[in-house]
C-alpha atoms as a PDB file:
ATOM      1  CA  MET A   1       5.961  47.774  39.147  1.00  0.00           C
ATOM      2  CA  ASN A   2       2.978  47.243  37.012  1.00  0.00           C
ATOM      3  CA  ARG A   3       5.573  47.016  34.004  1.00  0.00           C
ATOM      4  CA  ARG A   4       7.510  43.939  35.283  1.00  0.00           C
ATOM      5  CA  GLY A   5       3.696  42.011  35.638  1.00  0.00           C
ATOM      6  CA  VAL A   6       2.563  43.334  31.687  1.00  0.00           C
ATOM      7  CA  ALA A   7       6.102  42.461  30.775  1.00  0.00           C
ATOM      8  CA  LEU A   8       5.847  38.762  32.178  1.00  0.00           C
ATOM      9  CA  ILE A   9       2.584  37.998  30.639  1.00  0.00           C
ATOM     10  CA  THR A  10       3.369  39.307  27.248  1.00  0.00           C
ATOM     11  CA  VAL A  11       6.453  36.693  27.649  1.00  0.00           C
ATOM     12  CA  VAL A  12       4.244  33.732  28.751  1.00  0.00           C
ATOM     13  CA  VAL A  13       1.813  34.081  26.290  1.00  0.00           C
ATOM     14  CA  ILE A  14       4.630  35.149  23.304  1.00  0.00           C
ATOM     15  CA  MET A  15       6.149  32.040  24.994  1.00  0.00           C
ATOM     16  CA  LEU A  16       2.630  29.478  24.648  1.00  0.00           C
ATOM     17  CA  THR A  17       2.096  30.986  21.333  1.00  0.00           C
ATOM     18  CA  ILE A  18       5.261  30.038  19.652  1.00  0.00           C
ATOM     19  CA  ALA A  19       5.112  26.038  21.752  1.00  0.00           C
ATOM     20  CA  LEU A  20       1.511  25.836  20.127  1.00  0.00           C
ATOM     21  CA  ILE A  21       3.032  26.718  16.947  1.00  0.00           C
ATOM     22  CA  GLY A  22       5.828  23.815  16.971  1.00  0.00           C
ATOM     23  CA  ALA A  23       3.342  21.118  18.513  1.00  0.00           C
ATOM     24  CA  SER A  24       1.283  22.171  15.012  1.00  0.00           C
ATOM     25  CA  LEU A  25       4.419  21.696  12.900  1.00  0.00           C
ATOM     26  CA  VAL A  26       5.824  18.098  15.030  1.00  0.00           C
ATOM     27  CA  GLU A  27       1.939  16.348  14.120  1.00  0.00           C
ATOM     28  CA  LEU A  28       1.894  18.170  10.396  1.00  0.00           C
ATOM     29  CA  ALA A  29       5.527  16.391   9.896  1.00  0.00           C
ATOM     30  CA  SER A  30       4.180  13.587  11.460  1.00  0.00           C
ATOM     31  CA  THR A  31       1.028  13.071   9.219  1.00  0.00           C
ATOM     32  CA  VAL A  32       2.893  13.472   6.421  1.00  0.00           C
ATOM     33  CA  ASN A  33       5.308  10.780   7.177  1.00  0.00           C
ATOM     34  CA  ILE A  34       2.675   8.772   8.106  1.00  0.00           C
ATOM     35  CA  SER A  35       0.831   9.500   4.352  1.00  0.00           C
ATOM     36  CA  ALA A  36       4.394   9.042   2.808  1.00  0.00           C
ATOM     37  CA  HIS A  37       4.676   5.348   3.970  1.00  0.00           C
ATOM     38  CA  ASN A  38       1.098   4.292   2.728  1.00  0.00           C
ATOM     39  CA  MET A  39       1.791   5.937  -0.129  1.00  0.00           C
ATOM     40  CA  ILE A  40       4.782   3.343  -0.636  1.00  0.00           C
ATOM     41  CA  ASP A  41       2.787   1.061   0.885  1.00  0.00           C
ATOM     42  CA  GLU A  42       0.434   1.519  -1.866  1.00  0.00           C
ATOM     43  CA  ALA A  43       2.816   1.598  -4.820  1.00  0.00           C
ATOM     44  CA  LYS A  44       4.223  -1.638  -3.555  1.00  0.00           C
ATOM     45  CA  ALA A  45       0.898  -3.430  -2.572  1.00  0.00           C
ATOM     46  CA  ARG A  46      -0.258  -2.591  -6.017  1.00  0.00           C
ATOM     47  CA  TYR A  47       3.536  -3.955  -8.014  1.00  0.00           C
ATOM     48  CA  LEU A  48       3.027  -6.873  -5.761  1.00  0.00           C
ATOM     49  CA  ALA A  49      -0.704  -7.261  -7.590  1.00  0.00           C
ATOM     50  CA  GLU A  50       1.278  -7.031 -10.756  1.00  0.00           C
ATOM     51  CA  ALA A  51       4.188  -9.856 -10.266  1.00  0.00           C
ATOM     52  CA  GLY A  52       0.970 -12.269  -9.516  1.00  0.00           C
ATOM     53  CA  ILE A  53      -0.738 -11.162 -12.661  1.00  0.00           C
ATOM     54  CA  ALA A  54       2.354 -11.809 -14.467  1.00  0.00           C
ATOM     55  CA  GLN A  55       2.671 -15.062 -12.196  1.00  0.00           C
ATOM     56  CA  ALA A  56      -0.855 -16.053 -13.075  1.00  0.00           C
ATOM     57  CA  ILE A  57      -0.064 -15.313 -16.702  1.00  0.00           C
ATOM     58  CA  HIS A  58       3.091 -17.808 -16.145  1.00  0.00           C
ATOM     59  CA  THR A  59       1.358 -20.457 -15.403  1.00  0.00           C
ATOM     60  CA  LEU A  60      -1.403 -20.701 -17.544  1.00  0.00           C
ATOM     61  CA  ARG A  61       1.176 -21.261 -20.543  1.00  0.00           C
ATOM     62  CA  THR A  62       2.871 -23.627 -18.831  1.00  0.00           C
ATOM     63  CA  ALA A  63      -0.568 -25.087 -18.075  1.00  0.00           C
ATOM     64  CA  ALA A  64      -0.955 -24.510 -22.234  1.00  0.00           C
ATOM     65  CA  THR A  65       2.160 -26.696 -23.058  1.00  0.00           C
ATOM     66  CA  ASP A  66       2.217 -29.509 -20.421  1.00  0.00           C
ATOM     67  CA  THR A  67      -1.484 -30.892 -21.472  1.00  0.00           C
ATOM     68  CA  GLY A  68      -4.017 -28.603 -19.134  1.00  0.00           C
ATOM     69  CA  LYS A  69      -1.703 -29.104 -15.442  1.00  0.00           C
ATOM     70  CA  GLY A  70      -0.455 -26.640 -13.339  1.00  0.00           C
ATOM     71  CA  ALA A  71      -3.391 -24.827 -13.835  1.00  0.00           C
ATOM     72  CA  GLY A  72      -4.863 -23.904 -10.902  1.00  0.00           C
ATOM     73  CA  GLU A  73      -7.623 -21.342  -9.334  1.00  0.00           C
ATOM     74  CA  THR A  74      -5.329 -20.103  -6.371  1.00  0.00           C
ATOM     75  CA  ILE A  75      -1.356 -18.992  -6.569  1.00  0.00           C
ATOM     76  CA  GLY A  76      -0.609 -17.905  -3.082  1.00  0.00           C
ATOM     77  CA  PRO A  77      -0.309 -16.283  -1.104  1.00  0.00           C
ATOM     78  CA  ILE A  78       3.342 -15.973  -2.160  1.00  0.00           C
ATOM     79  CA  PRO A  79       6.163 -13.205   0.089  1.00  0.00           C
ATOM     80  CA  LEU A  80       7.394 -11.419  -1.628  1.00  0.00           C
ATOM     81  CA  GLY A  81       9.650  -8.776  -0.908  1.00  0.00           C
ATOM     82  CA  ASP A  82       8.096  -6.287   2.533  1.00  0.00           C
ATOM     83  CA  GLY A  83       4.734  -8.545   1.148  1.00  0.00           C
ATOM     84  CA  VAL A  84       2.541 -10.831  -0.211  1.00  0.00           C
ATOM     85  CA  TYR A  85       0.332 -12.050  -3.101  1.00  0.00           C
ATOM     86  CA  THR A  86      -2.618 -14.236  -3.860  1.00  0.00           C
ATOM     87  CA  VAL A  87      -3.376 -14.665  -7.244  1.00  0.00           C
ATOM     88  CA  THR A  88      -7.659 -16.057  -8.249  1.00  0.00           C
ATOM     89  CA  PHE A  89      -8.546 -17.081 -12.206  1.00  0.00           C
ATOM     90  CA  ASN A  90     -11.604 -18.668 -13.668  1.00  0.00           C
ATOM     91  CA  ILE A  91     -10.579 -20.098 -16.951  1.00  0.00           C
ATOM     92  CA  LYS A  92     -13.766 -20.129 -17.704  1.00  0.00           C
ATOM     93  CA  ASP A  93     -14.414 -16.873 -17.501  1.00  0.00           C
ATOM     94  CA  SER A  94     -10.884 -15.769 -18.570  1.00  0.00           C
ATOM     95  CA  LEU A  95     -10.420 -14.113 -15.075  1.00  0.00           C
ATOM     96  CA  ILE A  96      -7.641 -13.267 -13.528  1.00  0.00           C
ATOM     97  CA  ILE A  97      -7.464 -11.750 -10.457  1.00  0.00           C
ATOM     98  CA  SER A  98      -4.280 -10.411  -8.001  1.00  0.00           C
ATOM     99  CA  VAL A  99      -4.644  -9.218  -4.558  1.00  0.00           C
ATOM    100  CA  GLY A 100      -1.461  -7.783  -3.144  1.00  0.00           C
ATOM    101  CA  GLU A 101      -0.847  -6.780   0.604  1.00  0.00           C
ATOM    102  CA  VAL A 102       1.539  -4.641   2.219  1.00  0.00           C
ATOM    103  CA  ASN A 103       1.125  -3.710   6.137  1.00  0.00           C
ATOM    104  CA  GLY A 104      -2.437  -4.555   5.803  1.00  0.00           C
ATOM    105  CA  VAL A 105      -2.952  -2.177   2.583  1.00  0.00           C
ATOM    106  CA  SER A 106      -4.371  -4.299  -0.280  1.00  0.00           C
ATOM    107  CA  LYS A 107      -4.992  -3.339  -4.042  1.00  0.00           C
ATOM    108  CA  LYS A 108      -6.701  -5.682  -6.419  1.00  0.00           C
ATOM    109  CA  VAL A 109      -5.808  -6.110 -10.525  1.00  0.00           C
ATOM    110  CA  GLN A 110      -7.291  -7.736 -12.850  1.00  0.00           C
ATOM    111  CA  LEU A 111      -7.233  -9.222 -16.040  1.00  0.00           C
ATOM    112  CA  GLN A 112      -9.532 -10.357 -18.457  1.00  0.00           C
ATOM    113  CA  TYR A 113      -8.171 -11.981 -21.347  1.00  0.00           C
ATOM    114  CA  SER A 114      -8.963 -13.823 -24.318  1.00  0.00           C
ATOM    115  CA  ALA A 115      -7.926 -17.343 -24.886  1.00  0.00           C
ATOM    116  CA  LEU A 116      -6.535 -18.258 -28.811  1.00  0.00           C
END
């Protein structure tokens, strides 16, 4: 009778240990998945910010050839892909600031240029 009780307790302890290890693995997989999605959103936001820089350069070039019209202070927010980008540029300081945003994650890219 004693051996049956010890065997039952041993089996219960082993099953609880296996269940805890399983739950830990599920939590780890979930955390890794969330982290991967955040990294993807950061990369997308950076690419959107770079697209904003390209848009601002195009706008500045167009403004230079169109006798100064079209070069505003802020462009956007412009939707592209999974997010949006907003470009702010200051012609006096020759500075372009572009911010890309995807799912609440934002990345900022700045470009200092020299006017010729």
